[in-house]
Every structure is written in structure tokens, then in C-alpha cells.
Amino acid sequence: MDEGEPAPINNLRFEDLEHNDLSYSILNEEAESYWIVCYDVNKTNMAAFDEKILPFAKEMRKKGINVYCMVGTSNSEFDKKAAEYMDVVRADGVPLKTMIRSNPGIIKVKKGVILDKKHYRAL
């Protein structure tokens, strides 16, 4: 069976809130990390974010695991809440939504390779 060619990702760029490009460092991180994907914070299930995602992120940080909150849209209230336990990273919402439909969703990554994906209900 021919596996074909991997799809090129040409519009995936990660930036911090000051617009610094973090793409290379995040995609080449040696250790496992978690990406909390909120492709549109205006449509994010905030009850799930508060009750499931924030405690999860807090626990991972205690273990020394990097957690990134990947947002396609953001607002200062959301950014402030997320920044307590995660690094808030901006990206285009389209590739984020392509990665995982759950809003929020959890992706486990190592060196740019997705190891696992979970809907927030799976926590």
C-alpha cells in the first residue's frame, strides 16, 4: 500500500501575544507537550475550559510538562485566564480546526508529531 506524500503545512505559524514567531521552537520541542486548541475562543465551551482544561493544564505544569493554549482568536479576558497555567499562542484558526474539531481540544505532541488527540469530554 502506497502511503502517498504528506500534506505540506504552509500556513501554520505560532506566535506569542507579542507577535514573536514561536513556530520552530514549538514544532521541534524534544519533550512531549500538550496543545490546548481553542480555534475560536468566542465559541469555546468555557464551562469545559474552566472545569476540565484548566485543572489538567495545572497538573501538567506541576509535572514539568509544557502546555500551550493555541488560539485562533483571542481576547484579553480569555488570554489572562489561560496564561495562569499555559503559554498562550496565536495561530490561524483554520489549521487549528483541522487538527481537532473539539473546542477546546487536547493534543499531545512531541517534535511536531501528534501522539494523541482528545475531546475535552475525555478528561
C-alpha atoms as a PDB file:
ATOM      1  CA  MET A   1       0.000   0.000   0.000  1.00  0.00           C
ATOM      2  CA  ASP A   2       1.375   3.365  -1.057  1.00  0.00           C
ATOM      3  CA  GLU A   3       1.313   5.864   1.798  1.00  0.00           C
ATOM      4  CA  GLY A   4       1.494   8.818  -0.567  1.00  0.00           C
ATOM      5  CA  GLU A   5       3.099  12.118   0.274  1.00  0.00           C
ATOM      6  CA  PRO A   6       2.443  14.015   3.476  1.00  0.00           C
ATOM      7  CA  ALA A   7       0.451  17.187   3.043  1.00  0.00           C
ATOM      8  CA  PRO A   8       2.624  20.277   3.311  1.00  0.00           C
ATOM      9  CA  ILE A   9       1.705  22.641   6.091  1.00  0.00           C
ATOM     10  CA  ASN A  10       2.445  26.046   4.684  1.00  0.00           C
ATOM     11  CA  ASN A  11       0.198  28.284   6.740  1.00  0.00           C
ATOM     12  CA  LEU A  12       0.990  27.098  10.249  1.00  0.00           C
ATOM     13  CA  ARG A  13       2.675  29.807  12.283  1.00  0.00           C
ATOM     14  CA  PHE A  14       2.689  30.095  16.050  1.00  0.00           C
ATOM     15  CA  GLU A  15       3.151  33.471  17.723  1.00  0.00           C
ATOM     16  CA  ASP A  16       3.191  34.634  21.307  1.00  0.00           C
ATOM     17  CA  LEU A  17       0.986  37.538  22.354  1.00  0.00           C
ATOM     18  CA  GLU A  18       3.757  39.974  21.356  1.00  0.00           C
ATOM     19  CA  HIS A  19       3.778  38.516  17.798  1.00  0.00           C
ATOM     20  CA  ASN A  20       7.145  36.733  18.167  1.00  0.00           C
ATOM     21  CA  ASP A  21       7.384  33.659  15.942  1.00  0.00           C
ATOM     22  CA  LEU A  22       7.475  30.505  18.095  1.00  0.00           C
ATOM     23  CA  SER A  23       6.848  28.008  15.286  1.00  0.00           C
ATOM     24  CA  TYR A  24      10.295  26.437  15.150  1.00  0.00           C
ATOM     25  CA  SER A  25      10.719  26.072  18.904  1.00  0.00           C
ATOM     26  CA  ILE A  26       7.251  24.577  19.450  1.00  0.00           C
ATOM     27  CA  LEU A  27       7.397  22.199  16.491  1.00  0.00           C
ATOM     28  CA  ASN A  28      10.892  20.981  17.385  1.00  0.00           C
ATOM     29  CA  GLU A  29      10.426  20.617  21.126  1.00  0.00           C
ATOM     30  CA  GLU A  30      12.162  17.429  22.269  1.00  0.00           C
ATOM     31  CA  ALA A  31       9.874  16.752  25.228  1.00  0.00           C
ATOM     32  CA  GLU A  32       6.217  15.864  24.990  1.00  0.00           C
ATOM     33  CA  SER A  33       3.885  18.823  25.332  1.00  0.00           C
ATOM     34  CA  TYR A  34       0.159  19.413  25.273  1.00  0.00           C
ATOM     35  CA  TRP A  35      -1.638  21.799  22.981  1.00  0.00           C
ATOM     36  CA  ILE A  36      -4.994  23.011  24.186  1.00  0.00           C
ATOM     37  CA  VAL A  37      -6.690  24.054  20.964  1.00  0.00           C
ATOM     38  CA  CYS A  38      -9.314  26.792  21.086  1.00  0.00           C
ATOM     39  CA  TYR A  39      -9.647  27.693  17.427  1.00  0.00           C
ATOM     40  CA  ASP A  40     -12.315  30.321  18.215  1.00  0.00           C
ATOM     41  CA  VAL A  41     -12.468  31.486  21.829  1.00  0.00           C
ATOM     42  CA  ASN A  42     -15.844  33.098  21.163  1.00  0.00           C
ATOM     43  CA  LYS A  43     -17.213  29.591  20.545  1.00  0.00           C
ATOM     44  CA  THR A  44     -15.108  27.734  23.120  1.00  0.00           C
ATOM     45  CA  ASN A  45     -17.058  25.778  25.715  1.00  0.00           C
ATOM     46  CA  MET A  46     -15.968  27.899  28.675  1.00  0.00           C
ATOM     47  CA  ALA A  47     -17.516  25.589  31.277  1.00  0.00           C
ATOM     48  CA  ALA A  48     -15.368  22.742  29.938  1.00  0.00           C
ATOM     49  CA  PHE A  49     -12.352  25.044  29.752  1.00  0.00           C
ATOM     50  CA  ASP A  50     -12.744  26.124  33.389  1.00  0.00           C
ATOM     51  CA  GLU A  51     -13.747  22.751  34.845  1.00  0.00           C
ATOM     52  CA  LYS A  52     -11.593  20.361  32.816  1.00  0.00           C
ATOM     53  CA  ILE A  53      -8.876  22.122  30.842  1.00  0.00           C
ATOM     54  CA  LEU A  54      -7.513  24.488  33.494  1.00  0.00           C
ATOM     55  CA  PRO A  55      -7.103  21.752  36.153  1.00  0.00           C
ATOM     56  CA  PHE A  56      -5.481  19.485  33.524  1.00  0.00           C
ATOM     57  CA  ALA A  57      -3.055  22.233  32.492  1.00  0.00           C
ATOM     58  CA  LYS A  58      -2.250  23.000  36.120  1.00  0.00           C
ATOM     59  CA  GLU A  59      -1.471  19.326  36.799  1.00  0.00           C
ATOM     60  CA  MET A  60       0.736  19.008  33.691  1.00  0.00           C
ATOM     61  CA  ARG A  61       2.665  22.142  34.635  1.00  0.00           C
ATOM     62  CA  LYS A  62       3.263  20.699  38.125  1.00  0.00           C
ATOM     63  CA  LYS A  63       4.832  17.696  36.376  1.00  0.00           C
ATOM     64  CA  GLY A  64       7.067  19.993  34.313  1.00  0.00           C
ATOM     65  CA  ILE A  65       5.246  19.404  31.034  1.00  0.00           C
ATOM     66  CA  ASN A  66       4.778  22.359  28.700  1.00  0.00           C
ATOM     67  CA  VAL A  67       1.189  23.265  27.923  1.00  0.00           C
ATOM     68  CA  TYR A  68       0.283  25.648  25.125  1.00  0.00           C
ATOM     69  CA  CYS A  69      -3.121  27.205  24.601  1.00  0.00           C
ATOM     70  CA  MET A  70      -3.394  27.500  20.819  1.00  0.00           C
ATOM     71  CA  VAL A  71      -5.937  30.169  19.910  1.00  0.00           C
ATOM     72  CA  GLY A  72      -7.204  31.247  16.535  1.00  0.00           C
ATOM     73  CA  THR A  73      -8.958  34.227  18.031  1.00  0.00           C
ATOM     74  CA  SER A  74      -8.382  35.692  21.425  1.00  0.00           C
ATOM     75  CA  ASN A  75      -9.499  38.315  23.850  1.00  0.00           C
ATOM     76  CA  SER A  76      -7.727  39.764  26.848  1.00  0.00           C
ATOM     77  CA  GLU A  77     -10.018  38.139  29.447  1.00  0.00           C
ATOM     78  CA  PHE A  78      -9.526  34.677  27.953  1.00  0.00           C
ATOM     79  CA  ASP A  79      -5.786  35.223  27.455  1.00  0.00           C
ATOM     80  CA  LYS A  80      -5.367  36.252  31.088  1.00  0.00           C
ATOM     81  CA  LYS A  81      -7.281  33.203  32.359  1.00  0.00           C
ATOM     82  CA  ALA A  82      -5.374  30.772  30.133  1.00  0.00           C
ATOM     83  CA  ALA A  83      -1.985  32.369  30.850  1.00  0.00           C
ATOM     84  CA  GLU A  84      -2.231  31.352  34.517  1.00  0.00           C
ATOM     85  CA  TYR A  85      -1.461  27.727  33.550  1.00  0.00           C
ATOM     86  CA  MET A  86      -0.426  27.753  29.873  1.00  0.00           C
ATOM     87  CA  ASP A  87       1.574  29.684  27.323  1.00  0.00           C
ATOM     88  CA  VAL A  88      -0.970  31.404  25.080  1.00  0.00           C
ATOM     89  CA  VAL A  89      -0.030  31.011  21.429  1.00  0.00           C
ATOM     90  CA  ARG A  90      -1.801  32.516  18.448  1.00  0.00           C
ATOM     91  CA  ALA A  91      -2.244  30.661  15.181  1.00  0.00           C
ATOM     92  CA  ASP A  92      -4.597  30.686  12.224  1.00  0.00           C
ATOM     93  CA  GLY A  93      -7.918  29.142  13.240  1.00  0.00           C
ATOM     94  CA  VAL A  94      -8.296  27.076  10.051  1.00  0.00           C
ATOM     95  CA  PRO A  95      -5.341  24.727  10.628  1.00  0.00           C
ATOM     96  CA  LEU A  96      -6.210  24.575  14.332  1.00  0.00           C
ATOM     97  CA  LYS A  97      -9.751  23.474  13.496  1.00  0.00           C
ATOM     98  CA  THR A  98      -8.310  20.967  11.021  1.00  0.00           C
ATOM     99  CA  MET A  99      -6.155  19.467  13.788  1.00  0.00           C
ATOM    100  CA  ILE A 100      -9.071  18.851  16.148  1.00  0.00           C
ATOM    101  CA  ARG A 101     -12.749  19.758  15.988  1.00  0.00           C
ATOM    102  CA  SER A 102     -13.280  19.896  19.729  1.00  0.00           C
ATOM    103  CA  ASN A 103     -13.237  23.460  21.051  1.00  0.00           C
ATOM    104  CA  PRO A 104     -11.394  23.081  23.390  1.00  0.00           C
ATOM    105  CA  GLY A 105      -9.459  20.022  22.343  1.00  0.00           C
ATOM    106  CA  ILE A 106      -6.274  18.455  23.693  1.00  0.00           C
ATOM    107  CA  ILE A 107      -3.387  17.321  21.502  1.00  0.00           C
ATOM    108  CA  LYS A 108      -0.277  15.558  22.802  1.00  0.00           C
ATOM    109  CA  VAL A 109       2.764  16.414  20.664  1.00  0.00           C
ATOM    110  CA  LYS A 110       6.460  15.565  20.503  1.00  0.00           C
ATOM    111  CA  LYS A 111       8.802  17.113  17.911  1.00  0.00           C
ATOM    112  CA  GLY A 112       5.834  18.263  15.843  1.00  0.00           C
ATOM    113  CA  VAL A 113       4.292  14.780  15.704  1.00  0.00           C
ATOM    114  CA  ILE A 114       0.820  14.290  17.120  1.00  0.00           C
ATOM    115  CA  LEU A 115       0.877  11.406  19.572  1.00  0.00           C
ATOM    116  CA  ASP A 116      -2.728  11.628  20.791  1.00  0.00           C
ATOM    117  CA  LYS A 117      -5.847  13.770  20.483  1.00  0.00           C
ATOM    118  CA  LYS A 118      -8.736  14.017  22.896  1.00  0.00           C
ATOM    119  CA  HIS A 119     -12.049  15.787  23.097  1.00  0.00           C
ATOM    120  CA  TYR A 120     -12.399  17.758  26.320  1.00  0.00           C
ATOM    121  CA  ARG A 121     -15.070  15.260  27.404  1.00  0.00           C
ATOM    122  CA  ALA A 122     -12.388  12.552  27.571  1.00  0.00           C
ATOM    123  CA  LEU A 123     -10.658  14.245  30.516  1.00  0.00           C
END
